Amino acid sequence: STVYLQMNNLKPEDTAVYYCAAREVAFNWIVVVTVSGYHYWGQGT
């Protein structure tokens, strides 16, 4: 029940709070790319 983000060759411009988001979708191929497209959010890291 885990998703990962492997970040290599990090740059100063990558500095930010990173948030994970989840949304139940009907189809296996869907990738959601907008903030408004997600229903559930973490607190950020």
All heavy atoms as atom14 arrays in JSON, in Angstrom:
{
  "sequence": "STVYLQMNNLKPEDTAVYYCAAREVAFNWIVVVTVSGYHYWGQGT",
  "atom14_mask": [
    [1, 1, 1, 1, 1, 1, 0, 0, 0, 0, 0, 0, 0, 0],
    [1, 1, 1, 1, 1, 1, 1, 0, 0, 0, 0, 0, 0, 0],
    [1, 1, 1, 1, 1, 1, 1, 0, 0, 0, 0, 0, 0, 0],
    [1, 1, 1, 1, 1, 1, 1, 1, 1, 1, 1, 1, 0, 0],
    [1, 1, 1, 1, 1, 1, 1, 1, 0, 0, 0, 0, 0, 0],
    [1, 1, 1, 1, 1, 1, 1, 1, 1, 0, 0, 0, 0, 0],
    [1, 1, 1, 1, 1, 1, 1, 1, 0, 0, 0, 0, 0, 0],
    [1, 1, 1, 1, 1, 1, 1, 1, 0, 0, 0, 0, 0, 0],
    [1, 1, 1, 1, 1, 1, 1, 1, 0, 0, 0, 0, 0, 0],
    [1, 1, 1, 1, 1, 1, 1, 1, 0, 0, 0, 0, 0, 0],
    [1, 1, 1, 1, 1, 1, 1, 1, 1, 0, 0, 0, 0, 0],
    [1, 1, 1, 1, 1, 1, 1, 0, 0, 0, 0, 0, 0, 0],
    [1, 1, 1, 1, 1, 1, 1, 1, 1, 0, 0, 0, 0, 0],
    [1, 1, 1, 1, 1, 1, 1, 1, 0, 0, 0, 0, 0, 0],
    [1, 1, 1, 1, 1, 1, 1, 0, 0, 0, 0, 0, 0, 0],
    [1, 1, 1, 1, 1, 0, 0, 0, 0, 0, 0, 0, 0, 0],
    [1, 1, 1, 1, 1, 1, 1, 0, 0, 0, 0, 0, 0, 0],
    [1, 1, 1, 1, 1, 1, 1, 1, 1, 1, 1, 1, 0, 0],
    [1, 1, 1, 1, 1, 1, 1, 1, 1, 1, 1, 1, 0, 0],
    [1, 1, 1, 1, 1, 1, 0, 0, 0, 0, 0, 0, 0, 0],
    [1, 1, 1, 1, 1, 0, 0, 0, 0, 0, 0, 0, 0, 0],
    [1, 1, 1, 1, 1, 0, 0, 0, 0, 0, 0, 0, 0, 0],
    [1, 1, 1, 1, 1, 1, 1, 1, 1, 1, 1, 0, 0, 0],
    [1, 1, 1, 1, 1, 1, 1, 1, 1, 0, 0, 0, 0, 0],
    [1, 1, 1, 1, 1, 1, 1, 0, 0, 0, 0, 0, 0, 0],
    [1, 1, 1, 1, 1, 0, 0, 0, 0, 0, 0, 0, 0, 0],
    [1, 1, 1, 1, 1, 1, 1, 1, 1, 1, 1, 0, 0, 0],
    [1, 1, 1, 1, 1, 1, 1, 1, 0, 0, 0, 0, 0, 0],
    [1, 1, 1, 1, 1, 1, 1, 1, 1, 1, 1, 1, 1, 1],
    [1, 1, 1, 1, 1, 1, 1, 1, 0, 0, 0, 0, 0, 0],
    [1, 1, 1, 1, 1, 1, 1, 0, 0, 0, 0, 0, 0, 0],
    [1, 1, 1, 1, 1, 1, 1, 0, 0, 0, 0, 0, 0, 0],
    [1, 1, 1, 1, 1, 1, 1, 0, 0, 0, 0, 0, 0, 0],
    [1, 1, 1, 1, 1, 1, 1, 0, 0, 0, 0, 0, 0, 0],
    [1, 1, 1, 1, 1, 1, 1, 0, 0, 0, 0, 0, 0, 0],
    [1, 1, 1, 1, 1, 1, 0, 0, 0, 0, 0, 0, 0, 0],
    [1, 1, 1, 1, 0, 0, 0, 0, 0, 0, 0, 0, 0, 0],
    [1, 1, 1, 1, 1, 1, 1, 1, 1, 1, 1, 1, 0, 0],
    [1, 1, 1, 1, 1, 1, 1, 1, 1, 1, 0, 0, 0, 0],
    [1, 1, 1, 1, 1, 1, 1, 1, 1, 1, 1, 1, 0, 0],
    [1, 1, 1, 1, 1, 1, 1, 1, 1, 1, 1, 1, 1, 1],
    [1, 1, 1, 1, 0, 0, 0, 0, 0, 0, 0, 0, 0, 0],
    [1, 1, 1, 1, 1, 1, 1, 1, 1, 0, 0, 0, 0, 0],
    [1, 1, 1, 1, 0, 0, 0, 0, 0, 0, 0, 0, 0, 0],
    [1, 1, 1, 1, 1, 1, 1, 0, 0, 0, 0, 0, 0, 0]
  ],
  "atom14_positions": [
    [[0.82, -1.21, 0.0], [0.0, 0.0, 0.0], [0.86, 1.26, 0.0], [0.54, 2.25, 0.67], [-0.95, 0.02, 1.21], [-1.81, -1.09, 1.18], [0.0, 0.0, 0.0], [0.0, 0.0, 0.0], [0.0, 0.0, 0.0], [0.0, 0.0, 0.0], [0.0, 0.0, 0.0], [0.0, 0.0, 0.0], [0.0, 0.0, 0.0], [0.0, 0.0, 0.0]],
    [[1.92, 1.22, -0.76], [2.92, 2.29, -0.72], [3.31, 2.72, -2.13], [3.47, 1.88, -3.02], [4.17, 1.83, 0.05], [3.79, 1.47, 1.39], [5.21, 2.93, 0.11], [0.0, 0.0, 0.0], [0.0, 0.0, 0.0], [0.0, 0.0, 0.0], [0.0, 0.0, 0.0], [0.0, 0.0, 0.0], [0.0, 0.0, 0.0], [0.0, 0.0, 0.0]],
    [[3.48, 4.03, -2.28], [4.02, 4.6, -3.5], [5.33, 5.29, -3.15], [5.49, 5.82, -2.04], [3.02, 5.57, -4.17], [2.72, 6.76, -3.27], [3.51, 6.02, -5.52], [0.0, 0.0, 0.0], [0.0, 0.0, 0.0], [0.0, 0.0, 0.0], [0.0, 0.0, 0.0], [0.0, 0.0, 0.0], [0.0, 0.0, 0.0], [0.0, 0.0, 0.0]],
    [[6.27, 5.26, -4.07], [7.6, 5.81, -3.84], [7.92, 6.89, -4.86], [7.41, 6.88, -5.98], [8.65, 4.7, -3.94], [8.41, 3.53, -3.03], [7.8, 2.37, -3.51], [8.79, 3.56, -1.69], [7.57, 1.28, -2.69], [8.57, 2.48, -0.86], [7.95, 1.34, -1.37], [7.73, 0.27, -0.54], [0.0, 0.0, 0.0], [0.0, 0.0, 0.0]],
    [[8.81, 7.78, -4.46], [9.38, 8.74, -5.39], [10.89, 8.7, -5.19], [11.39, 9.18, -4.18], [8.85, 10.15, -5.16], [9.32, 11.18, -6.19], [8.72, 10.88, -7.57], [8.95, 12.6, -5.75], [0.0, 0.0, 0.0], [0.0, 0.0, 0.0], [0.0, 0.0, 0.0], [0.0, 0.0, 0.0], [0.0, 0.0, 0.0], [0.0, 0.0, 0.0]],
    [[11.58, 8.08, -6.12], [13.03, 8.04, -6.09], [13.56, 9.31, -6.76], [13.27, 9.55, -7.94], [13.56, 6.81, -6.82], [15.07, 6.72, -6.88], [15.7, 6.52, -5.51], [15.22, 5.71, -4.71], [16.76, 7.25, -5.23], [0.0, 0.0, 0.0], [0.0, 0.0, 0.0], [0.0, 0.0, 0.0], [0.0, 0.0, 0.0], [0.0, 0.0, 0.0]],
    [[14.31, 10.09, -6.02], [14.81, 11.36, -6.52], [16.34, 11.3, -6.58], [16.99, 11.17, -5.55], [14.36, 12.5, -5.61], [12.84, 12.54, -5.39], [12.3, 13.97, -4.45], [13.02, 13.6, -2.86], [0.0, 0.0, 0.0], [0.0, 0.0, 0.0], [0.0, 0.0, 0.0], [0.0, 0.0, 0.0], [0.0, 0.0, 0.0], [0.0, 0.0, 0.0]],
    [[16.86, 11.38, -7.78], [18.31, 11.35, -7.99], [18.79, 12.7, -8.51], [18.02, 13.48, -9.06], [18.67, 10.25, -8.99], [18.3, 8.87, -8.5], [18.31, 8.6, -7.3], [17.98, 7.99, -9.44], [0.0, 0.0, 0.0], [0.0, 0.0, 0.0], [0.0, 0.0, 0.0], [0.0, 0.0, 0.0], [0.0, 0.0, 0.0], [0.0, 0.0, 0.0]],
    [[20.08, 12.94, -8.35], [20.7, 14.18, -8.84], [19.88, 15.4, -8.42], [19.52, 16.24, -9.24], [20.84, 14.13, -10.36], [21.67, 15.26, -10.91], [22.48, 15.84, -10.18], [21.47, 15.59, -12.17], [0.0, 0.0, 0.0], [0.0, 0.0, 0.0], [0.0, 0.0, 0.0], [0.0, 0.0, 0.0], [0.0, 0.0, 0.0], [0.0, 0.0, 0.0]],
    [[19.62, 15.48, -7.14], [18.79, 16.57, -6.64], [19.46, 17.92, -6.84], [20.7, 18.05, -6.75], [18.47, 16.35, -5.16], [17.36, 15.31, -4.91], [17.44, 14.77, -3.5], [16.0, 15.93, -5.18], [0.0, 0.0, 0.0], [0.0, 0.0, 0.0], [0.0, 0.0, 0.0], [0.0, 0.0, 0.0], [0.0, 0.0, 0.0], [0.0, 0.0, 0.0]],
    [[18.63, 18.93, -7.1], [19.1, 20.28, -7.33], [18.48, 21.22, -6.3], [17.41, 20.93, -5.76], [18.69, 20.74, -8.74], [19.19, 19.83, -9.85], [18.67, 20.29, -11.2], [19.16, 19.38, -12.32], [18.67, 19.82, -13.65], [0.0, 0.0, 0.0], [0.0, 0.0, 0.0], [0.0, 0.0, 0.0], [0.0, 0.0, 0.0], [0.0, 0.0, 0.0]],
    [[19.11, 22.36, -6.04], [18.53, 23.3, -5.07], [17.09, 23.7, -5.44], [16.27, 23.91, -4.53], [19.48, 24.5, -5.15], [20.79, 23.88, -5.5], [20.47, 22.77, -6.46], [0.0, 0.0, 0.0], [0.0, 0.0, 0.0], [0.0, 0.0, 0.0], [0.0, 0.0, 0.0], [0.0, 0.0, 0.0], [0.0, 0.0, 0.0], [0.0, 0.0, 0.0]],
    [[16.79, 23.76, -6.71], [15.42, 24.13, -7.12], [14.39, 23.03, -6.85], [13.19, 23.25, -7.03], [15.38, 24.52, -8.6], [16.0, 23.5, -9.54], [17.45, 23.86, -9.89], [18.2, 24.27, -8.98], [17.81, 23.7, -11.09], [0.0, 0.0, 0.0], [0.0, 0.0, 0.0], [0.0, 0.0, 0.0], [0.0, 0.0, 0.0], [0.0, 0.0, 0.0]],
    [[14.83, 21.87, -6.41], [13.91, 20.82, -5.98], [13.45, 21.01, -4.54], [12.58, 20.27, -4.07], [14.57, 19.44, -6.11], [14.88, 19.06, -7.54], [14.05, 19.31, -8.43], [15.98, 18.5, -7.77], [0.0, 0.0, 0.0], [0.0, 0.0, 0.0], [0.0, 0.0, 0.0], [0.0, 0.0, 0.0], [0.0, 0.0, 0.0], [0.0, 0.0, 0.0]],
    [[14.01, 21.98, -3.86], [13.62, 22.26, -2.48], [12.15, 22.64, -2.41], [11.7, 23.56, -3.09], [14.49, 23.38, -1.9], [15.85, 22.93, -1.83], [14.02, 23.76, -0.5], [0.0, 0.0, 0.0], [0.0, 0.0, 0.0], [0.0, 0.0, 0.0], [0.0, 0.0, 0.0], [0.0, 0.0, 0.0], [0.0, 0.0, 0.0], [0.0, 0.0, 0.0]],
    [[11.4, 21.92, -1.59], [9.96, 22.14, -1.46], [9.4, 21.18, -0.42], [10.09, 20.26, 0.02], [9.26, 21.9, -2.8], [0.0, 0.0, 0.0], [0.0, 0.0, 0.0], [0.0, 0.0, 0.0], [0.0, 0.0, 0.0], [0.0, 0.0, 0.0], [0.0, 0.0, 0.0], [0.0, 0.0, 0.0], [0.0, 0.0, 0.0], [0.0, 0.0, 0.0]],
    [[8.15, 21.41, -0.08], [7.39, 20.4, 0.66], [6.76, 19.47, -0.38], [6.11, 19.95, -1.32], [6.31, 21.03, 1.54], [5.49, 19.94, 2.23], [6.94, 21.97, 2.57], [0.0, 0.0, 0.0], [0.0, 0.0, 0.0], [0.0, 0.0, 0.0], [0.0, 0.0, 0.0], [0.0, 0.0, 0.0], [0.0, 0.0, 0.0], [0.0, 0.0, 0.0]],
    [[6.98, 18.2, -0.22], [6.47, 17.21, -1.15], [5.22, 16.54, -0.57], [5.24, 16.08, 0.58], [7.54, 16.17, -1.47], [8.56, 16.69, -2.45], [9.49, 17.67, -2.05], [8.61, 16.25, -3.76], [10.41, 18.18, -2.95], [9.53, 16.74, -4.67], [10.43, 17.71, -4.26], [11.34, 18.22, -5.15], [0.0, 0.0, 0.0], [0.0, 0.0, 0.0]],
    [[4.18, 16.51, -1.38], [2.91, 15.96, -0.96], [2.55, 14.73, -1.79], [2.75, 14.73, -3.01], [1.79, 16.99, -1.12], [1.93, 18.2, -0.26], [2.6, 19.34, -0.72], [1.38, 18.22, 1.02], [2.72, 20.46, 0.08], [1.5, 19.35, 1.82], [2.17, 20.46, 1.35], [2.3, 21.56, 2.14], [0.0, 0.0, 0.0], [0.0, 0.0, 0.0]],
    [[1.98, 13.76, -1.11], [1.45, 12.57, -1.77], [-0.07, 12.71, -1.85], [-0.69, 13.26, -0.93], [1.84, 11.33, -0.97], [1.24, 9.78, -1.66], [0.0, 0.0, 0.0], [0.0, 0.0, 0.0], [0.0, 0.0, 0.0], [0.0, 0.0, 0.0], [0.0, 0.0, 0.0], [0.0, 0.0, 0.0], [0.0, 0.0, 0.0], [0.0, 0.0, 0.0]],
    [[-0.63, 12.22, -2.94], [-2.08, 12.34, -3.13], [-2.64, 11.05, -3.7], [-1.95, 10.31, -4.4], [-2.39, 13.51, -4.06], [0.0, 0.0, 0.0], [0.0, 0.0, 0.0], [0.0, 0.0, 0.0], [0.0, 0.0, 0.0], [0.0, 0.0, 0.0], [0.0, 0.0, 0.0], [0.0, 0.0, 0.0], [0.0, 0.0, 0.0], [0.0, 0.0, 0.0]],
    [[-3.92, 10.82, -3.41], [-4.58, 9.59, -3.85], [-5.98, 9.9, -4.36], [-6.65, 10.82, -3.87], [-4.66, 8.59, -2.69], [0.0, 0.0, 0.0], [0.0, 0.0, 0.0], [0.0, 0.0, 0.0], [0.0, 0.0, 0.0], [0.0, 0.0, 0.0], [0.0, 0.0, 0.0], [0.0, 0.0, 0.0], [0.0, 0.0, 0.0], [0.0, 0.0, 0.0]],
    [[-6.4, 9.08, -5.31], [-7.77, 9.2, -5.81], [-8.22, 7.85, -6.33], [-7.49, 7.21, -7.1], [-7.88, 10.23, -6.93], [-9.27, 10.22, -7.54], [-9.46, 11.2, -8.62], [-10.78, 11.03, -9.24], [-11.39, 11.95, -9.93], [-10.81, 13.13, -10.15], [-12.57, 11.73, -10.46], [0.0, 0.0, 0.0], [0.0, 0.0, 0.0], [0.0, 0.0, 0.0]],
    [[-9.39, 7.45, -5.95], [-9.97, 6.23, -6.5], [-10.42, 6.52, -7.94], [-11.09, 7.52, -8.18], [-11.16, 5.76, -5.67], [-10.75, 5.2, -4.32], [-11.93, 4.77, -3.48], [-12.8, 5.62, -3.2], [-12.0, 3.58, -3.12], [0.0, 0.0, 0.0], [0.0, 0.0, 0.0], [0.0, 0.0, 0.0], [0.0, 0.0, 0.0], [0.0, 0.0, 0.0]],
    [[-10.01, 5.65, -8.84], [-10.38, 5.82, -10.24], [-10.98, 4.53, -10.77], [-10.78, 3.45, -10.21], [-9.16, 6.22, -11.1], [-8.67, 7.6, -10.71], [-8.05, 5.19, -10.98], [0.0, 0.0, 0.0], [0.0, 0.0, 0.0], [0.0, 0.0, 0.0], [0.0, 0.0, 0.0], [0.0, 0.0, 0.0], [0.0, 0.0, 0.0], [0.0, 0.0, 0.0]],
    [[-11.69, 4.66, -11.87], [-12.45, 3.52, -12.4], [-11.64, 2.64, -13.34], [-11.95, 1.47, -13.52], [-13.7, 4.01, -13.11], [0.0, 0.0, 0.0], [0.0, 0.0, 0.0], [0.0, 0.0, 0.0], [0.0, 0.0, 0.0], [0.0, 0.0, 0.0], [0.0, 0.0, 0.0], [0.0, 0.0, 0.0], [0.0, 0.0, 0.0], [0.0, 0.0, 0.0]],
    [[-10.6, 3.22, -13.93], [-9.87, 2.5, -14.96], [-8.4, 2.37, -14.62], [-7.78, 3.28, -14.09], [-10.04, 3.19, -16.31], [-11.46, 3.28, -16.76], [-12.15, 4.47, -16.67], [-12.13, 2.16, -17.24], [-13.47, 4.56, -17.07], [-13.44, 2.24, -17.64], [-14.11, 3.44, -17.55], [0.0, 0.0, 0.0], [0.0, 0.0, 0.0], [0.0, 0.0, 0.0]],
    [[-7.85, 1.25, -14.98], [-6.49, 0.9, -14.59], [-5.44, 1.82, -15.2], [-4.38, 2.01, -14.63], [-6.2, -0.53, -15.0], [-4.82, -0.97, -14.61], [-4.42, -0.81, -13.46], [-4.07, -1.48, -15.56], [0.0, 0.0, 0.0], [0.0, 0.0, 0.0], [0.0, 0.0, 0.0], [0.0, 0.0, 0.0], [0.0, 0.0, 0.0], [0.0, 0.0, 0.0]],
    [[-5.72, 2.42, -16.36], [-4.7, 3.18, -17.08], [-4.64, 4.65, -16.7], [-3.77, 5.38, -17.15], [-4.96, 3.07, -18.59], [-6.39, 3.32, -18.96], [-7.36, 2.39, -19.13], [-7.02, 4.59, -19.18], [-8.55, 2.99, -19.44], [-8.38, 4.33, -19.49], [-6.56, 5.91, -19.17], [-9.28, 5.34, -19.77], [-7.46, 6.92, -19.45], [-8.8, 6.64, -19.74]],
    [[-5.55, 5.11, -15.85], [-5.64, 6.54, -15.56], [-4.48, 7.02, -14.69], [-4.17, 6.42, -13.67], [-6.97, 6.87, -14.87], [-8.13, 6.66, -15.84], [-6.96, 8.29, -14.35], [-9.48, 6.87, -15.22], [0.0, 0.0, 0.0], [0.0, 0.0, 0.0], [0.0, 0.0, 0.0], [0.0, 0.0, 0.0], [0.0, 0.0, 0.0], [0.0, 0.0, 0.0]],
    [[-3.83, 8.12, -15.13], [-2.83, 8.83, -14.34], [-3.37, 10.25, -14.13], [-3.66, 10.95, -15.1], [-1.47, 8.88, -15.05], [-0.46, 9.67, -14.22], [-0.96, 7.47, -15.31], [0.0, 0.0, 0.0], [0.0, 0.0, 0.0], [0.0, 0.0, 0.0], [0.0, 0.0, 0.0], [0.0, 0.0, 0.0], [0.0, 0.0, 0.0], [0.0, 0.0, 0.0]],
    [[-3.51, 10.65, -12.9], [-4.07, 11.97, -12.57], [-2.92, 12.96, -12.37], [-1.99, 12.68, -11.61], [-4.94, 11.88, -11.31], [-5.58, 13.24, -11.01], [-6.02, 10.81, -11.47], [0.0, 0.0, 0.0], [0.0, 0.0, 0.0], [0.0, 0.0, 0.0], [0.0, 0.0, 0.0], [0.0, 0.0, 0.0], [0.0, 0.0, 0.0], [0.0, 0.0, 0.0]],
    [[-2.99, 14.11, -13.04], [-1.86, 15.04, -13.02], [-2.19, 16.41, -12.46], [-1.32, 17.28, -12.4], [-1.26, 15.19, -14.44], [-0.8, 13.84, -14.98], [-2.26, 15.84, -15.38], [0.0, 0.0, 0.0], [0.0, 0.0, 0.0], [0.0, 0.0, 0.0], [0.0, 0.0, 0.0], [0.0, 0.0, 0.0], [0.0, 0.0, 0.0], [0.0, 0.0, 0.0]],
    [[-3.43, 16.63, -12.02], [-3.8, 17.95, -11.52], [-4.09, 17.91, -10.02], [-4.52, 16.89, -9.48], [-5.05, 18.47, -12.23], [-6.14, 17.56, -11.98], [-4.83, 18.59, -13.73], [0.0, 0.0, 0.0], [0.0, 0.0, 0.0], [0.0, 0.0, 0.0], [0.0, 0.0, 0.0], [0.0, 0.0, 0.0], [0.0, 0.0, 0.0], [0.0, 0.0, 0.0]],
    [[-3.87, 19.04, -9.37], [-4.16, 19.14, -7.94], [-5.63, 18.84, -7.68], [-5.98, 18.08, -6.77], [-3.8, 20.54, -7.41], [-4.28, 20.73, -5.99], [-2.28, 20.75, -7.48], [0.0, 0.0, 0.0], [0.0, 0.0, 0.0], [0.0, 0.0, 0.0], [0.0, 0.0, 0.0], [0.0, 0.0, 0.0], [0.0, 0.0, 0.0], [0.0, 0.0, 0.0]],
    [[-6.5, 19.42, -8.5], [-7.94, 19.26, -8.29], [-8.42, 17.85, -8.58], [-9.53, 17.48, -8.18], [-8.7, 20.25, -9.18], [-8.41, 20.0, -10.54], [0.0, 0.0, 0.0], [0.0, 0.0, 0.0], [0.0, 0.0, 0.0], [0.0, 0.0, 0.0], [0.0, 0.0, 0.0], [0.0, 0.0, 0.0], [0.0, 0.0, 0.0], [0.0, 0.0, 0.0]],
    [[-7.59, 17.05, -9.23], [-7.99, 15.69, -9.57], [-7.87, 14.7, -8.42], [-8.37, 13.59, -8.51], [0.0, 0.0, 0.0], [0.0, 0.0, 0.0], [0.0, 0.0, 0.0], [0.0, 0.0, 0.0], [0.0, 0.0, 0.0], [0.0, 0.0, 0.0], [0.0, 0.0, 0.0], [0.0, 0.0, 0.0], [0.0, 0.0, 0.0], [0.0, 0.0, 0.0]],
    [[-7.22, 15.12, -7.34], [-7.02, 14.22, -6.21], [-7.95, 14.53, -5.06], [-8.27, 15.68, -4.79], [-5.56, 14.29, -5.74], [-4.63, 13.54, -6.66], [-3.97, 14.19, -7.7], [-4.43, 12.17, -6.51], [-3.13, 13.5, -8.55], [-3.6, 11.47, -7.36], [-2.95, 12.14, -8.38], [-2.12, 11.44, -9.22], [0.0, 0.0, 0.0], [0.0, 0.0, 0.0]],
    [[-8.35, 13.48, -4.36], [-9.3, 13.62, -3.26], [-8.64, 13.57, -1.88], [-9.15, 14.14, -0.92], [-10.35, 12.51, -3.33], [-11.21, 12.59, -4.55], [-11.92, 11.52, -5.04], [-11.46, 13.62, -5.4], [-12.59, 11.89, -6.11], [-12.32, 13.15, -6.36], [0.0, 0.0, 0.0], [0.0, 0.0, 0.0], [0.0, 0.0, 0.0], [0.0, 0.0, 0.0]],
    [[-7.52, 12.88, -1.8], [-6.9, 12.66, -0.5], [-5.44, 13.09, -0.56], [-4.74, 12.78, -1.52], [-6.99, 11.17, -0.12], [-8.38, 10.61, -0.21], [-8.74, 9.76, -1.25], [-9.35, 10.94, 0.74], [-10.01, 9.25, -1.34], [-10.62, 10.43, 0.66], [-10.95, 9.59, -0.39], [-12.22, 9.08, -0.47], [0.0, 0.0, 0.0], [0.0, 0.0, 0.0]],
    [[-5.01, 13.78, 0.51], [-3.66, 14.35, 0.56], [-2.98, 14.02, 1.87], [-3.64, 13.96, 2.92], [-3.73, 15.86, 0.41], [-4.17, 16.29, -0.95], [-5.44, 16.41, -1.42], [-3.3, 16.64, -2.04], [-5.44, 16.82, -2.73], [-4.13, 16.97, -3.15], [-1.92, 16.71, -2.21], [-3.62, 17.37, -4.38], [-1.41, 17.11, -3.43], [-2.26, 17.43, -4.51]],
    [[-1.67, 13.87, 1.8], [-0.88, 13.75, 3.0], [-0.51, 15.1, 3.56], [-0.85, 16.14, 2.99], [0.0, 0.0, 0.0], [0.0, 0.0, 0.0], [0.0, 0.0, 0.0], [0.0, 0.0, 0.0], [0.0, 0.0, 0.0], [0.0, 0.0, 0.0], [0.0, 0.0, 0.0], [0.0, 0.0, 0.0], [0.0, 0.0, 0.0], [0.0, 0.0, 0.0]],
    [[0.23, 15.08, 4.66], [0.58, 16.33, 5.35], [1.83, 16.98, 4.76], [2.14, 18.12, 5.08], [0.78, 16.06, 6.84], [2.13, 15.46, 7.22], [2.31, 14.02, 6.79], [1.36, 13.34, 6.4], [3.55, 13.53, 6.88], [0.0, 0.0, 0.0], [0.0, 0.0, 0.0], [0.0, 0.0, 0.0], [0.0, 0.0, 0.0], [0.0, 0.0, 0.0]],
    [[2.55, 16.24, 3.95], [3.75, 16.76, 3.3], [5.01, 16.4, 4.05], [5.02, 16.2, 5.27], [0.0, 0.0, 0.0], [0.0, 0.0, 0.0], [0.0, 0.0, 0.0], [0.0, 0.0, 0.0], [0.0, 0.0, 0.0], [0.0, 0.0, 0.0], [0.0, 0.0, 0.0], [0.0, 0.0, 0.0], [0.0, 0.0, 0.0], [0.0, 0.0, 0.0]],
    [[6.1, 16.33, 3.3], [7.42, 16.1, 3.88], [8.41, 17.05, 3.23], [8.4, 17.23, 2.01], [7.85, 14.62, 3.71], [9.09, 14.4, 4.39], [8.01, 14.24, 2.25], [0.0, 0.0, 0.0], [0.0, 0.0, 0.0], [0.0, 0.0, 0.0], [0.0, 0.0, 0.0], [0.0, 0.0, 0.0], [0.0, 0.0, 0.0], [0.0, 0.0, 0.0]]
  ]
}
